[in-house]
Amino acid sequence: IYKGQWEKNVKCGVGKQTYFGVGEYYGNWLDGEIHGEGVMTYSNKDVYSGKWREGKKDGEGTYIFFETGMKYVGTFKNG
């Protein structure tokens, strides 16, 4: 399920996508892909907040592991 902005019939701008069995993403889209700043809340309650590039974690971000409360703050590369 996607709710958000569209451009030329593709996701572009800000939107919220729910992925069955995976989680929910809220943030920026470009040419139909997650791209820019955004937050993914996974079904296991882990959370990633940061930069995305072409649908993958790429750039500065924070990943919080729900079960342990530990978090990684740093640079992600190509997922």
Protein backbone atom coordinates (compact mmCIF):
# COMPACT_ATOMS: atom_id res chain seq x y z
CA ILE A 1 0.00 0.00 0.00
CA TYR A 2 1.41 3.40 -1.01
CA LYS A 3 0.12 6.82 -0.02
CA GLY A 4 1.97 9.84 -1.26
CA GLN A 5 3.12 11.93 -4.17
CA TRP A 6 3.35 10.79 -7.78
CA GLU A 7 5.03 12.25 -10.83
CA LYS A 8 4.42 10.89 -14.34
CA ASN A 9 2.69 7.85 -12.81
CA VAL A 10 5.66 6.84 -10.56
CA LYS A 11 6.32 7.43 -6.87
CA CYS A 12 8.21 10.70 -6.53
CA GLY A 13 8.37 13.13 -3.60
CA VAL A 14 7.24 12.17 -0.10
CA GLY A 15 5.24 9.04 0.58
CA LYS A 16 4.50 6.12 2.85
CA GLN A 17 4.75 2.51 1.67
CA THR A 18 3.65 -0.54 3.64
CA TYR A 19 5.39 -3.78 2.69
CA PHE A 20 3.49 -6.88 3.81
CA GLY A 21 5.64 -8.94 6.18
CA VAL A 22 8.56 -6.49 5.96
CA GLY A 23 7.57 -3.17 7.48
CA GLU A 24 6.75 0.41 6.64
CA TYR A 25 8.78 3.14 4.95
CA TYR A 26 8.08 6.87 5.19
CA GLY A 27 10.21 9.36 3.32
CA ASN A 28 11.46 10.48 -0.05
CA TRP A 29 11.05 8.76 -3.40
CA LEU A 30 12.63 9.39 -6.80
CA ASP A 31 11.66 7.71 -10.06
CA GLY A 32 9.66 5.05 -8.21
CA GLU A 33 12.41 4.10 -5.76
CA ILE A 34 13.23 4.97 -2.15
CA HIS A 35 15.78 7.76 -2.50
CA GLY A 36 16.87 10.54 -0.12
CA GLU A 37 15.94 10.81 3.56
CA GLY A 38 13.58 8.28 5.08
CA VAL A 39 12.65 5.97 7.92
CA MET A 40 11.98 2.23 7.65
CA THR A 41 10.27 0.53 10.58
CA TYR A 42 10.60 -3.21 10.14
CA SER A 43 8.03 -5.77 11.27
CA ASN A 44 10.43 -6.92 14.04
CA LYS A 45 10.38 -3.27 15.29
CA ASP A 46 13.97 -2.50 14.21
CA VAL A 47 14.24 1.04 12.78
CA TYR A 48 16.54 2.55 10.18
CA SER A 49 16.56 6.32 9.76
CA GLY A 50 18.83 7.98 7.26
CA LYS A 51 19.88 8.25 3.63
CA TRP A 52 18.70 5.96 0.86
CA ARG A 53 19.87 5.61 -2.72
CA GLU A 54 17.97 3.67 -5.37
CA GLY A 55 16.09 1.60 -2.78
CA LYS A 56 19.09 0.76 -0.55
CA LYS A 57 20.53 2.21 2.65
CA ASP A 58 23.36 4.43 1.43
CA GLY A 59 24.93 7.32 3.34
CA GLU A 60 24.65 8.53 6.91
CA GLY A 61 22.08 6.76 9.02
CA THR A 62 21.10 5.12 12.29
CA TYR A 63 19.92 1.54 12.72
CA ILE A 64 18.29 0.62 16.04
CA PHE A 65 17.89 -3.04 16.99
CA PHE A 66 14.62 -3.30 18.93
CA GLU A 67 15.37 -6.54 20.77
CA THR A 68 18.70 -5.40 22.27
CA GLY A 69 18.31 -1.62 22.18
CA MET A 70 21.71 -1.38 20.50
CA LYS A 71 22.21 1.05 17.68
CA TYR A 72 24.65 1.66 14.87
CA VAL A 73 25.27 5.26 13.84
CA GLY A 74 27.44 5.72 10.79
CA THR A 75 27.77 5.26 7.07
CA PHE A 76 25.91 2.67 5.06
CA LYS A 77 27.03 1.66 1.57
CA ASN A 78 24.83 0.06 -1.09
CA GLY A 79 22.49 -1.53 1.43
